[in-house]
Amino acid sequence: MARSRARNPWLALAFDSAKMATEAQHVMLLRLAKLGRGAGDLPQEIQRMTSEKPAAFANAHLAAAAALARGNKDYIAAKQALRVYRRAVRANLRRLRRKRRSIKMLIPHFR
């Protein structure tokens, strides 16, 4: 299977996108749990949720435009844009997991 993904870069990008989507759903779950229990830093989290999206979009757009300006192929530009989004999602996931102790009580079977 890895061999076919190496031959088709768009397929590899689709798999990477699916991984990023799964991580983003995990971030949404952690944020909804935080909203549901009324965490003390709720206003900051809501501000972060709304302000990070335009910044991530702009950074992804710049990364893709820079890749195209360097003469890279379109799938490489898409990969660069996805990398920006995935980095932001992973940062949110790490940050939200640090405060996960109270969420474990809320969702004991979740790992």
C-alpha atoms as a PDB file:
ATOM      1  CA  MET A   1       0.000   0.000   0.000  1.00  0.00           C
ATOM      2  CA  ALA A   2       2.814   2.423   0.797  1.00  0.00           C
ATOM      3  CA  ARG A   3       4.208   1.779  -2.643  1.00  0.00           C
ATOM      4  CA  SER A   4       1.008   2.946  -4.380  1.00  0.00           C
ATOM      5  CA  ARG A   5       0.872   6.075  -2.208  1.00  0.00           C
ATOM      6  CA  ALA A   6       4.451   6.855  -3.221  1.00  0.00           C
ATOM      7  CA  ARG A   7       3.454   6.629  -6.872  1.00  0.00           C
ATOM      8  CA  ASN A   8       0.385   8.786  -6.422  1.00  0.00           C
ATOM      9  CA  PRO A   9       1.183  11.876  -4.326  1.00  0.00           C
ATOM     10  CA  TRP A  10      -2.477  12.916  -4.262  1.00  0.00           C
ATOM     11  CA  LEU A  11      -3.348   9.644  -2.536  1.00  0.00           C
ATOM     12  CA  ALA A  12      -0.686  10.302   0.084  1.00  0.00           C
ATOM     13  CA  LEU A  13      -2.122  13.792   0.538  1.00  0.00           C
ATOM     14  CA  ALA A  14      -5.591  12.304   0.993  1.00  0.00           C
ATOM     15  CA  PHE A  15      -4.306  10.004   3.751  1.00  0.00           C
ATOM     16  CA  ASP A  16      -2.517  12.905   5.445  1.00  0.00           C
ATOM     17  CA  SER A  17      -5.703  14.964   5.217  1.00  0.00           C
ATOM     18  CA  ALA A  18      -7.681  12.153   6.822  1.00  0.00           C
ATOM     19  CA  LYS A  19      -5.167  11.964   9.676  1.00  0.00           C
ATOM     20  CA  MET A  20      -5.402  15.703  10.180  1.00  0.00           C
ATOM     21  CA  ALA A  21      -9.205  15.540  10.126  1.00  0.00           C
ATOM     22  CA  THR A  22      -9.151  12.876  12.841  1.00  0.00           C
ATOM     23  CA  GLU A  23      -6.872  15.016  14.979  1.00  0.00           C
ATOM     24  CA  ALA A  24      -9.130  18.036  14.391  1.00  0.00           C
ATOM     25  CA  GLN A  25     -12.148  16.013  15.546  1.00  0.00           C
ATOM     26  CA  HIS A  26     -10.239  15.123  18.686  1.00  0.00           C
ATOM     27  CA  VAL A  27      -9.569  18.822  19.299  1.00  0.00           C
ATOM     28  CA  MET A  28     -13.272  19.545  18.827  1.00  0.00           C
ATOM     29  CA  LEU A  29     -14.175  16.821  21.330  1.00  0.00           C
ATOM     30  CA  LEU A  30     -11.791  18.216  23.929  1.00  0.00           C
ATOM     31  CA  ARG A  31     -13.056  21.744  23.356  1.00  0.00           C
ATOM     32  CA  LEU A  32     -16.702  20.701  23.600  1.00  0.00           C
ATOM     33  CA  ALA A  33     -15.949  18.876  26.838  1.00  0.00           C
ATOM     34  CA  LYS A  34     -14.285  22.021  28.129  1.00  0.00           C
ATOM     35  CA  LEU A  35     -17.295  24.105  27.094  1.00  0.00           C
ATOM     36  CA  GLY A  36     -19.655  21.599  28.682  1.00  0.00           C
ATOM     37  CA  ARG A  37     -17.992  21.680  32.066  1.00  0.00           C
ATOM     38  CA  GLY A  38     -17.615  25.466  32.035  1.00  0.00           C
ATOM     39  CA  ALA A  39     -13.861  25.667  32.459  1.00  0.00           C
ATOM     40  CA  GLY A  40     -12.412  28.797  34.015  1.00  0.00           C
ATOM     41  CA  ASP A  41     -10.468  29.806  30.911  1.00  0.00           C
ATOM     42  CA  LEU A  42     -13.519  29.503  28.672  1.00  0.00           C
ATOM     43  CA  PRO A  43     -13.407  33.072  27.285  1.00  0.00           C
ATOM     44  CA  GLN A  44      -9.771  32.602  26.212  1.00  0.00           C
ATOM     45  CA  GLU A  45     -10.607  29.278  24.574  1.00  0.00           C
ATOM     46  CA  ILE A  46     -13.508  30.786  22.644  1.00  0.00           C
ATOM     47  CA  GLN A  47     -11.278  33.678  21.543  1.00  0.00           C
ATOM     48  CA  ARG A  48      -8.604  31.203  20.483  1.00  0.00           C
ATOM     49  CA  MET A  49     -11.119  29.113  18.507  1.00  0.00           C
ATOM     50  CA  THR A  50     -12.248  32.097  16.462  1.00  0.00           C
ATOM     51  CA  SER A  51      -8.954  33.934  16.011  1.00  0.00           C
ATOM     52  CA  GLU A  52      -6.742  31.005  15.019  1.00  0.00           C
ATOM     53  CA  LYS A  53      -8.700  30.033  11.908  1.00  0.00           C
ATOM     54  CA  PRO A  54      -8.014  33.149   9.788  1.00  0.00           C
ATOM     55  CA  ALA A  55      -4.356  33.065  10.839  1.00  0.00           C
ATOM     56  CA  ALA A  56      -4.004  29.393   9.896  1.00  0.00           C
ATOM     57  CA  PHE A  57      -5.754  30.034   6.576  1.00  0.00           C
ATOM     58  CA  ALA A  58      -3.437  32.947   5.754  1.00  0.00           C
ATOM     59  CA  ASN A  59      -0.327  30.989   6.726  1.00  0.00           C
ATOM     60  CA  ALA A  60      -1.435  27.964   4.694  1.00  0.00           C
ATOM     61  CA  HIS A  61      -2.166  30.181   1.706  1.00  0.00           C
ATOM     62  CA  LEU A  62       1.280  31.774   1.975  1.00  0.00           C
ATOM     63  CA  ALA A  63       2.971  28.373   2.261  1.00  0.00           C
ATOM     64  CA  ALA A  64       1.177  27.093  -0.840  1.00  0.00           C
ATOM     65  CA  ALA A  65       1.880  30.293  -2.787  1.00  0.00           C
ATOM     66  CA  ALA A  66       5.559  30.152  -1.824  1.00  0.00           C
ATOM     67  CA  ALA A  67       5.776  26.519  -2.957  1.00  0.00           C
ATOM     68  CA  LEU A  68       4.198  27.407  -6.301  1.00  0.00           C
ATOM     69  CA  ALA A  69       6.456  30.449  -6.666  1.00  0.00           C
ATOM     70  CA  ARG A  70       9.477  28.174  -6.215  1.00  0.00           C
ATOM     71  CA  GLY A  71       8.208  26.136  -9.148  1.00  0.00           C
ATOM     72  CA  ASN A  72       7.022  23.133  -7.147  1.00  0.00           C
ATOM     73  CA  LYS A  73       4.198  20.963  -8.388  1.00  0.00           C
ATOM     74  CA  ASP A  74       0.641  21.557  -7.248  1.00  0.00           C
ATOM     75  CA  TYR A  75       0.506  18.559  -4.914  1.00  0.00           C
ATOM     76  CA  ILE A  76       3.610  19.834  -3.116  1.00  0.00           C
ATOM     77  CA  ALA A  77       1.919  23.206  -2.613  1.00  0.00           C
ATOM     78  CA  ALA A  78      -1.131  21.412  -1.225  1.00  0.00           C
ATOM     79  CA  LYS A  79       1.120  19.380   1.076  1.00  0.00           C
ATOM     80  CA  GLN A  80       2.764  22.568   2.358  1.00  0.00           C
ATOM     81  CA  ALA A  81      -0.643  24.115   3.080  1.00  0.00           C
ATOM     82  CA  LEU A  82      -1.793  20.968   4.866  1.00  0.00           C
ATOM     83  CA  ARG A  83       1.389  20.980   6.949  1.00  0.00           C
ATOM     84  CA  VAL A  84       0.500  24.443   8.278  1.00  0.00           C
ATOM     85  CA  TYR A  85      -3.006  23.331   9.258  1.00  0.00           C
ATOM     86  CA  ARG A  86      -1.783  20.108  10.805  1.00  0.00           C
ATOM     87  CA  ARG A  87       0.842  21.925  12.864  1.00  0.00           C
ATOM     88  CA  ALA A  88      -1.884  24.198  14.278  1.00  0.00           C
ATOM     89  CA  VAL A  89      -4.169  21.250  15.034  1.00  0.00           C
ATOM     90  CA  ARG A  90      -1.384  19.335  16.756  1.00  0.00           C
ATOM     91  CA  ALA A  91      -0.478  22.368  18.873  1.00  0.00           C
ATOM     92  CA  ASN A  92      -4.094  22.636  20.003  1.00  0.00           C
ATOM     93  CA  LEU A  93      -4.218  18.922  20.727  1.00  0.00           C
ATOM     94  CA  ARG A  94      -1.069  19.061  22.866  1.00  0.00           C
ATOM     95  CA  ARG A  95      -2.333  22.116  24.732  1.00  0.00           C
ATOM     96  CA  LEU A  96      -5.764  20.654  25.413  1.00  0.00           C
ATOM     97  CA  ARG A  97      -4.380  17.261  26.444  1.00  0.00           C
ATOM     98  CA  ARG A  98      -2.240  18.858  29.140  1.00  0.00           C
ATOM     99  CA  LYS A  99      -5.387  19.762  31.049  1.00  0.00           C
ATOM    100  CA  ARG A 100      -7.051  16.435  30.422  1.00  0.00           C
ATOM    101  CA  ARG A 101      -7.297  15.110  33.987  1.00  0.00           C
ATOM    102  CA  SER A 102     -10.768  16.510  34.581  1.00  0.00           C
ATOM    103  CA  ILE A 103     -11.878  15.384  31.118  1.00  0.00           C
ATOM    104  CA  LYS A 104     -10.892  11.806  32.011  1.00  0.00           C
ATOM    105  CA  MET A 105     -13.482  11.951  34.759  1.00  0.00           C
ATOM    106  CA  LEU A 106     -16.000  13.184  32.219  1.00  0.00           C
ATOM    107  CA  ILE A 107     -15.115  10.547  29.604  1.00  0.00           C
ATOM    108  CA  PRO A 108     -13.446   7.650  31.463  1.00  0.00           C
ATOM    109  CA  HIS A 109     -13.277   5.243  28.496  1.00  0.00           C
ATOM    110  CA  PHE A 110     -11.649   7.787  26.136  1.00  0.00           C
ATOM    111  CA  ARG A 111      -7.927   7.453  25.419  1.00  0.00           C
END
